Protein backbone atom coordinates (compact mmCIF):
# COMPACT_ATOMS: atom_id res chain seq x y z
CA UNK A 1 43.94 -124.80 184.10
CA UNK A 2 41.91 -127.88 185.60
CA UNK A 3 43.43 -129.56 188.95
CA UNK A 4 44.77 -132.66 186.74
CA UNK A 5 47.15 -130.13 184.88
CA UNK A 6 48.93 -129.41 187.83
CA UNK A 7 52.17 -131.57 188.40
CA UNK A 8 52.86 -129.95 191.78
CA UNK A 9 50.63 -128.52 194.78
CA UNK A 10 52.26 -126.98 197.88
CA UNK A 11 49.58 -126.10 200.36
CA UNK A 12 50.20 -124.16 203.72
CA UNK A 13 53.75 -125.36 204.36
CA UNK A 14 55.38 -124.74 207.53
CA UNK A 15 59.09 -125.80 208.03
CA UNK A 16 60.81 -124.92 211.33
CA UNK A 17 64.14 -125.71 212.95
CA UNK A 18 64.43 -126.39 216.49
CA UNK A 19 67.77 -124.84 217.83
CA UNK A 20 69.14 -124.23 220.99
CA UNK A 21 68.74 -120.49 220.34
CA UNK A 22 65.07 -120.96 219.64
CA UNK A 23 62.76 -122.09 216.69
CA UNK A 24 63.60 -120.88 213.48
CA UNK A 25 60.30 -120.33 211.45
CA UNK A 26 61.93 -120.89 207.96
CA UNK A 27 58.71 -121.58 206.11
CA UNK A 28 55.50 -119.90 207.20
CA UNK A 29 52.33 -121.15 205.34
CA UNK A 30 53.95 -121.26 201.88
CA UNK A 31 51.57 -122.36 199.03
CA UNK A 32 51.98 -122.31 195.34
CA UNK A 33 51.40 -124.78 192.29
CA UNK A 34 53.24 -125.81 189.27
CA UNK A 35 51.38 -126.73 185.80
CA UNK A 36 52.60 -129.37 183.49
CA UNK A 37 55.03 -128.17 180.90
CA UNK A 38 55.63 -124.90 182.53
CA UNK A 39 58.92 -123.27 184.24
CA UNK A 40 57.79 -121.80 187.51
CA UNK A 41 60.18 -119.15 189.18
CA UNK A 42 60.73 -118.83 192.98
CA UNK A 43 62.63 -115.58 193.48
CA UNK A 44 63.95 -113.83 196.67
CA UNK A 45 66.99 -112.76 198.68
CA UNK A 46 69.69 -115.27 200.39
CA UNK A 47 68.02 -116.54 203.39
CA UNK A 48 64.43 -116.21 202.38
CA UNK A 49 63.58 -119.99 202.30
CA UNK A 50 64.18 -120.96 198.61
CA UNK A 51 66.21 -123.89 199.44
CA UNK A 52 64.27 -125.03 202.29
CA UNK A 53 61.35 -125.21 200.21
CA UNK A 54 63.39 -127.63 197.98
CA UNK A 55 64.27 -129.65 201.02
CA UNK A 56 60.74 -129.89 202.09
CA UNK A 57 59.48 -131.06 198.70
CA UNK A 58 61.98 -133.40 198.33
CA UNK A 59 61.62 -134.85 201.94
CA UNK A 60 65.22 -133.90 202.59
CA UNK A 61 64.92 -131.54 205.47
CA UNK A 62 67.40 -132.83 208.19
CA UNK A 63 67.27 -132.47 211.92
CA UNK A 64 66.88 -130.17 213.90
CA UNK A 65 64.51 -129.25 210.88
CA UNK A 66 60.98 -130.53 210.52
CA UNK A 67 58.10 -130.08 208.28
CA UNK A 68 55.48 -128.98 210.69
CA UNK A 69 52.33 -129.13 208.57
CA UNK A 70 50.99 -128.66 205.10
CA UNK A 71 50.74 -130.81 201.91
CA UNK A 72 53.13 -131.51 199.00
CA UNK A 73 51.12 -132.99 196.34
CA UNK A 74 52.76 -134.51 193.35
CA UNK A 75 50.35 -135.64 190.83
CA UNK A 76 47.86 -135.79 193.72
CA UNK A 77 50.17 -137.93 195.92
CA UNK A 78 50.98 -136.20 199.08
CA UNK A 79 54.74 -136.74 199.57
CA UNK A 80 54.95 -135.78 203.31
CA UNK A 81 53.07 -138.81 203.89
CA UNK A 82 55.55 -140.97 202.00
CA UNK A 83 58.03 -143.09 203.87
CA UNK A 84 61.78 -142.67 203.13
CA UNK A 85 61.94 -145.83 201.03
CA UNK A 86 59.21 -144.60 198.77
CA UNK A 87 60.67 -141.07 198.44
CA UNK A 88 64.13 -142.69 197.50
CA UNK A 89 62.44 -144.02 194.51
CA UNK A 90 60.53 -140.69 193.78
CA UNK A 91 64.02 -138.85 193.89
CA UNK A 92 65.77 -139.21 190.78
CA UNK A 93 62.97 -140.73 188.80
CA UNK A 94 59.88 -138.48 189.11
CA UNK A 95 61.73 -135.24 190.74
CA UNK A 96 65.35 -134.53 190.13
CA UNK A 97 67.40 -131.62 191.41
CA UNK A 98 70.13 -129.64 189.67
CA UNK A 99 72.28 -127.97 192.39
CA UNK A 100 74.02 -124.83 192.23
CA UNK A 101 77.33 -126.13 193.21
CA UNK A 102 78.13 -129.39 190.55
CA UNK A 103 81.08 -130.39 192.72
CA UNK A 104 79.16 -131.41 195.59
CA UNK A 105 76.83 -133.37 193.31
CA UNK A 106 79.31 -135.43 191.53
CA UNK A 107 81.34 -138.06 193.67
CA UNK A 108 85.32 -137.28 192.88
CA UNK A 109 86.05 -140.98 192.96
CA UNK A 110 83.59 -142.12 189.99
CA UNK A 111 83.79 -141.40 186.46
CA UNK A 112 81.27 -139.11 184.78
CA UNK A 113 79.86 -141.76 182.70
CA UNK A 114 79.18 -144.11 185.76
CA UNK A 115 77.59 -141.26 187.51
CA UNK A 116 75.29 -140.24 184.72
CA UNK A 117 74.31 -143.87 184.12
CA UNK A 118 73.52 -144.72 187.71
CA UNK A 119 69.98 -143.18 187.84
CA UNK A 120 69.17 -145.44 184.81
CA UNK A 121 70.45 -148.57 186.51
CA UNK A 122 68.85 -147.78 189.88
CA UNK A 123 65.33 -146.59 188.88
CA UNK A 124 64.86 -148.08 185.37
CA UNK A 125 66.72 -151.55 185.72
CA UNK A 126 68.86 -150.52 182.76
CA UNK A 127 72.02 -152.99 182.40
CA UNK A 128 75.09 -151.14 182.81
CA UNK A 129 76.70 -151.27 179.62
CA UNK A 130 73.59 -150.04 177.90
CA UNK A 131 73.16 -147.35 180.67
CA UNK A 132 76.70 -146.20 179.82
CA UNK A 133 76.09 -146.02 176.05
CA UNK A 134 73.08 -144.03 176.89
CA UNK A 135 74.91 -141.83 179.15
CA UNK A 136 77.18 -140.96 176.41
CA UNK A 137 74.11 -140.04 174.12
CA UNK A 138 72.77 -137.96 176.85
CA UNK A 139 76.03 -136.06 177.26
CA UNK A 140 75.97 -135.38 173.68
CA UNK A 141 72.31 -134.00 173.93
CA UNK A 142 73.90 -131.71 176.80
CA UNK A 143 76.32 -130.08 174.28
CA UNK A 144 79.35 -132.13 175.92
CA UNK A 145 82.06 -132.24 173.21
CA UNK A 146 83.63 -135.72 172.98
CA UNK A 147 80.93 -137.52 175.19
CA UNK A 148 82.65 -140.80 174.95
CA UNK A 149 85.99 -139.44 176.25
CA UNK A 150 84.18 -137.05 178.81
CA UNK A 151 82.32 -139.96 180.21
CA UNK A 152 85.60 -141.68 181.16
CA UNK A 153 86.66 -138.56 182.94
CA UNK A 154 86.77 -137.86 186.65
CA UNK A 155 84.54 -134.69 187.75
CA UNK A 156 87.94 -132.69 188.56
CA UNK A 157 89.09 -133.25 185.01
CA UNK A 158 86.26 -131.21 183.86
CA UNK A 159 85.56 -127.46 183.64
CA UNK A 160 82.70 -126.09 185.90
CA UNK A 161 80.44 -125.81 182.76
CA UNK A 162 81.02 -129.27 181.82
CA UNK A 163 80.40 -130.67 185.36
CA UNK A 164 77.11 -128.65 185.26
CA UNK A 165 76.22 -130.36 182.07
CA UNK A 166 77.05 -133.44 183.52
CA UNK A 167 74.79 -132.83 186.50
CA UNK A 168 71.83 -131.98 184.34
CA UNK A 169 72.51 -135.22 182.35
CA UNK A 170 71.91 -136.99 185.91
CA UNK A 171 68.93 -135.06 186.55
CA UNK A 172 67.51 -135.87 183.32
CA UNK A 173 68.57 -139.44 183.04
CA UNK A 174 65.17 -141.09 184.17
CA UNK A 175 62.82 -138.26 182.27
CA UNK A 176 61.42 -136.82 185.58
CA UNK A 177 58.06 -135.27 185.95
CA UNK A 178 59.41 -132.38 187.69
CA UNK A 179 62.99 -130.78 187.61
CA UNK A 180 64.00 -128.44 190.34
CA UNK A 181 66.91 -126.21 189.60
CA UNK A 182 68.31 -124.59 192.46
CA UNK A 183 70.33 -121.51 191.24
CA UNK A 184 72.20 -123.91 188.65
CA UNK A 185 74.15 -120.91 187.21
CA UNK A 186 75.37 -119.10 190.51
CA UNK A 187 78.79 -120.32 190.37
CA UNK A 188 79.53 -120.06 186.55
CA UNK A 189 80.76 -117.07 184.38
CA UNK A 190 78.54 -115.21 182.21
CA UNK A 191 79.13 -116.92 179.29
CA UNK A 192 78.80 -120.48 180.47
CA UNK A 193 75.57 -119.22 182.27
CA UNK A 194 74.00 -118.26 179.21
CA UNK A 195 74.85 -121.62 177.62
CA UNK A 196 73.20 -123.29 180.29
CA UNK A 197 70.20 -121.23 180.48
CA UNK A 198 69.69 -121.86 176.91
CA UNK A 199 70.34 -125.73 177.23
CA UNK A 200 67.78 -126.15 180.12
CA UNK A 201 65.15 -124.12 177.91
CA UNK A 202 65.64 -126.30 174.96
CA UNK A 203 65.62 -129.44 177.01
CA UNK A 204 62.42 -128.28 178.78
CA UNK A 205 60.82 -127.73 175.51
CA UNK A 206 61.92 -130.98 174.00
CA UNK A 207 61.17 -133.15 176.98
CA UNK A 208 58.11 -131.47 178.23
CA UNK A 209 59.35 -131.62 181.65
CA UNK A 210 58.10 -129.13 184.35
CA UNK A 211 60.72 -127.07 186.17
CA UNK A 212 60.88 -125.35 189.55
CA UNK A 213 63.57 -122.76 188.84
CA UNK A 214 65.10 -121.26 192.31
CA UNK A 215 67.14 -118.09 192.05
CA UNK A 216 68.01 -114.71 193.47
CA UNK A 217 68.14 -112.92 189.88
CA UNK A 218 65.13 -111.28 188.45
CA UNK A 219 66.81 -111.05 184.90
CA UNK A 220 66.96 -114.95 184.93
CA UNK A 221 63.46 -114.87 185.91
CA UNK A 222 62.16 -112.79 183.01
CA UNK A 223 64.18 -114.86 180.49
CA UNK A 224 63.37 -118.60 181.86
CA UNK A 225 59.98 -118.74 183.57
CA UNK A 226 56.19 -118.73 182.60
CA UNK A 227 55.07 -117.70 186.28
CA UNK A 228 56.83 -116.61 189.30
CA UNK A 229 56.42 -116.56 193.15
CA UNK A 230 58.15 -113.81 194.98
CA UNK A 231 59.69 -114.90 198.38
CA UNK A 232 60.43 -113.07 201.45
CA UNK A 233 61.46 -114.28 204.84
CA UNK A 234 59.68 -117.50 204.48
CA UNK A 235 56.44 -116.26 202.91
CA UNK A 236 55.26 -116.09 199.39
CA UNK A 237 54.28 -112.26 198.81
CA UNK A 238 53.44 -112.33 195.51
CA UNK A 239 52.59 -114.79 192.58
CA UNK A 240 51.73 -113.91 188.90
CA UNK A 241 52.69 -114.85 185.31
CA UNK A 242 56.16 -113.20 184.67
CA UNK A 243 54.84 -110.44 182.40
CA UNK A 244 52.55 -109.08 185.10
CA UNK A 245 55.14 -109.04 187.72
CA UNK A 246 57.43 -106.96 185.49
CA UNK A 247 54.98 -104.62 184.11
CA UNK A 248 52.47 -104.32 187.28
CA UNK A 249 54.24 -105.51 190.36
CA UNK A 250 52.04 -104.88 193.47
CA UNK A 251 53.85 -105.80 196.63
CA UNK A 252 56.23 -103.25 197.80
CA UNK A 253 59.12 -105.87 198.24
CA UNK A 254 58.66 -106.92 194.48
CA UNK A 255 58.61 -103.13 193.27
CA UNK A 256 61.84 -102.71 195.24
CA UNK A 257 63.69 -105.88 193.88
CA UNK A 258 62.59 -104.52 190.32
CA UNK A 259 63.68 -101.03 190.70
CA UNK A 260 67.01 -102.55 192.12
CA UNK A 261 68.06 -104.25 188.74
CA UNK A 262 70.54 -102.28 186.81
CA UNK A 263 70.26 -101.58 183.04
CA UNK A 264 72.25 -100.16 180.36
CA UNK A 265 70.73 -96.84 180.79
CA UNK A 266 70.79 -96.65 184.53
CA UNK A 267 73.33 -95.43 186.98
CA UNK A 268 74.35 -96.41 190.46
CA UNK A 269 72.40 -93.18 191.74
CA UNK A 270 69.29 -94.11 190.12
CA UNK A 271 69.12 -97.83 191.49
CA UNK A 272 66.69 -98.30 194.22
CA UNK A 273 67.55 -100.05 197.38
CA UNK A 274 65.88 -101.87 200.07
CA UNK A 275 66.67 -100.42 203.71
CA UNK A 276 67.74 -102.60 206.36
CA UNK A 277 68.34 -106.56 206.03
CA UNK A 278 66.24 -109.62 206.15
CA UNK A 279 65.11 -110.60 209.50
CA UNK A 280 66.65 -113.51 211.54
CA UNK A 281 63.75 -116.30 211.23
CA UNK A 282 64.44 -117.22 214.89
CA UNK A 283 62.58 -113.85 215.68
CA UNK A 284 60.81 -112.72 212.47
CA UNK A 285 58.77 -109.60 212.93
CA UNK A 286 55.19 -109.72 213.66
CA UNK A 287 52.39 -109.12 211.27
CA UNK A 288 53.93 -108.58 207.78
CA UNK A 289 57.61 -109.80 207.85
CA UNK A 290 58.50 -107.04 205.59
CA UNK A 291 57.01 -103.94 207.16
CA UNK A 292 60.24 -102.76 209.16
CA UNK A 293 61.68 -102.41 205.67
CA UNK A 294 58.41 -100.98 203.70
CA UNK A 295 58.21 -97.40 202.96
CA UNK A 296 54.40 -97.77 202.76
CA UNK A 297 53.83 -99.53 205.96
CA UNK A 298 50.50 -98.87 207.99
CA UNK A 299 49.72 -99.50 211.55
CA UNK A 300 47.98 -102.94 210.70
CA UNK A 301 51.13 -104.23 208.90
CA UNK A 302 53.03 -104.67 212.43
CA UNK A 303 50.06 -106.46 214.09
CA UNK A 304 48.24 -108.85 211.42
CA UNK A 305 49.65 -110.99 209.03
CA UNK A 306 48.11 -110.03 205.50
CA UNK A 307 46.04 -112.64 203.63
CA UNK A 308 46.58 -113.66 200.19
CA UNK A 309 44.42 -111.40 198.02
CA UNK A 310 43.85 -112.15 194.25
CA UNK A 311 43.97 -108.61 192.76
CA UNK A 312 43.43 -110.06 189.02
CA UNK A 313 43.08 -113.54 187.80
CA UNK A 314 46.30 -115.26 188.24
CA UNK A 315 47.55 -112.41 190.22
CA UNK A 316 48.11 -112.95 194.00
CA UNK A 317 49.50 -110.56 196.53
CA UNK A 318 49.86 -110.73 200.45
CA UNK A 319 49.68 -107.17 201.36
CA UNK A 320 47.38 -104.94 203.35
CA UNK A 321 47.44 -102.36 200.90
CA UNK A 322 45.07 -104.57 198.83
CA UNK A 323 42.78 -106.23 201.65
């Protein structure tokens, strides 16, 4: 794909948190790109830097955190050079977020219809009455039964699944260019999760919106995404289309992740495990950050950070085994 087909380009992003205990190197030279109309997955264990990546892209890294260097290009415009005033217009209109906790995204003091219509009023200058009517239609599209009635409810009067649908409606109220889904089904039961996944996929195809899907679940990645970046301890260790990642994983960490996925035929004894734990990023391992847990580690792995290597078209891996 050509350069103009990319909705988002993240280049060499470094984000750190300056604490009393030392500097937390949350993101260390992270790079990836998202094409127009695709669902791009970012997967990794808890604490690997996925949510910090979202905050860095959105310009929401709070003190003591700071984006040290890099670029975040939205259709060629570097968001890291935008003022807070400019970012307040971009957030909600050009980029929207679906969080994993709908309760924290919804104000308990305002009715659902008010909150879904608010982005339309703020960004699109729609009159309140018209925005409320459009909010009801949007809730209907989200599969919310009796949207006119639900619009008059407060968040606590809805189930978790209905609240998440309302949050998705808020995120799509201004037809954003990029939708960031930050583990949006984590707190939902399996049945509701399936409904939300199907809903987002249908809406993405209908609207043509690009999606950055954040998750720790490889099964969700397999179902939802076109391409995926595997993240470990603040680094992208592998990036490819989803089929290649599952058929031909290259990085030892990716291999371990896939071998740890249970199936109908597998037993607990057959499941693989990754020894050790994710390192503390206040004092990360030297060289490759995965080397203390890697069964294929070599001497060079502890002393030198691996460079990104393209092993086939569209398939990148950061590992000394391929350099």
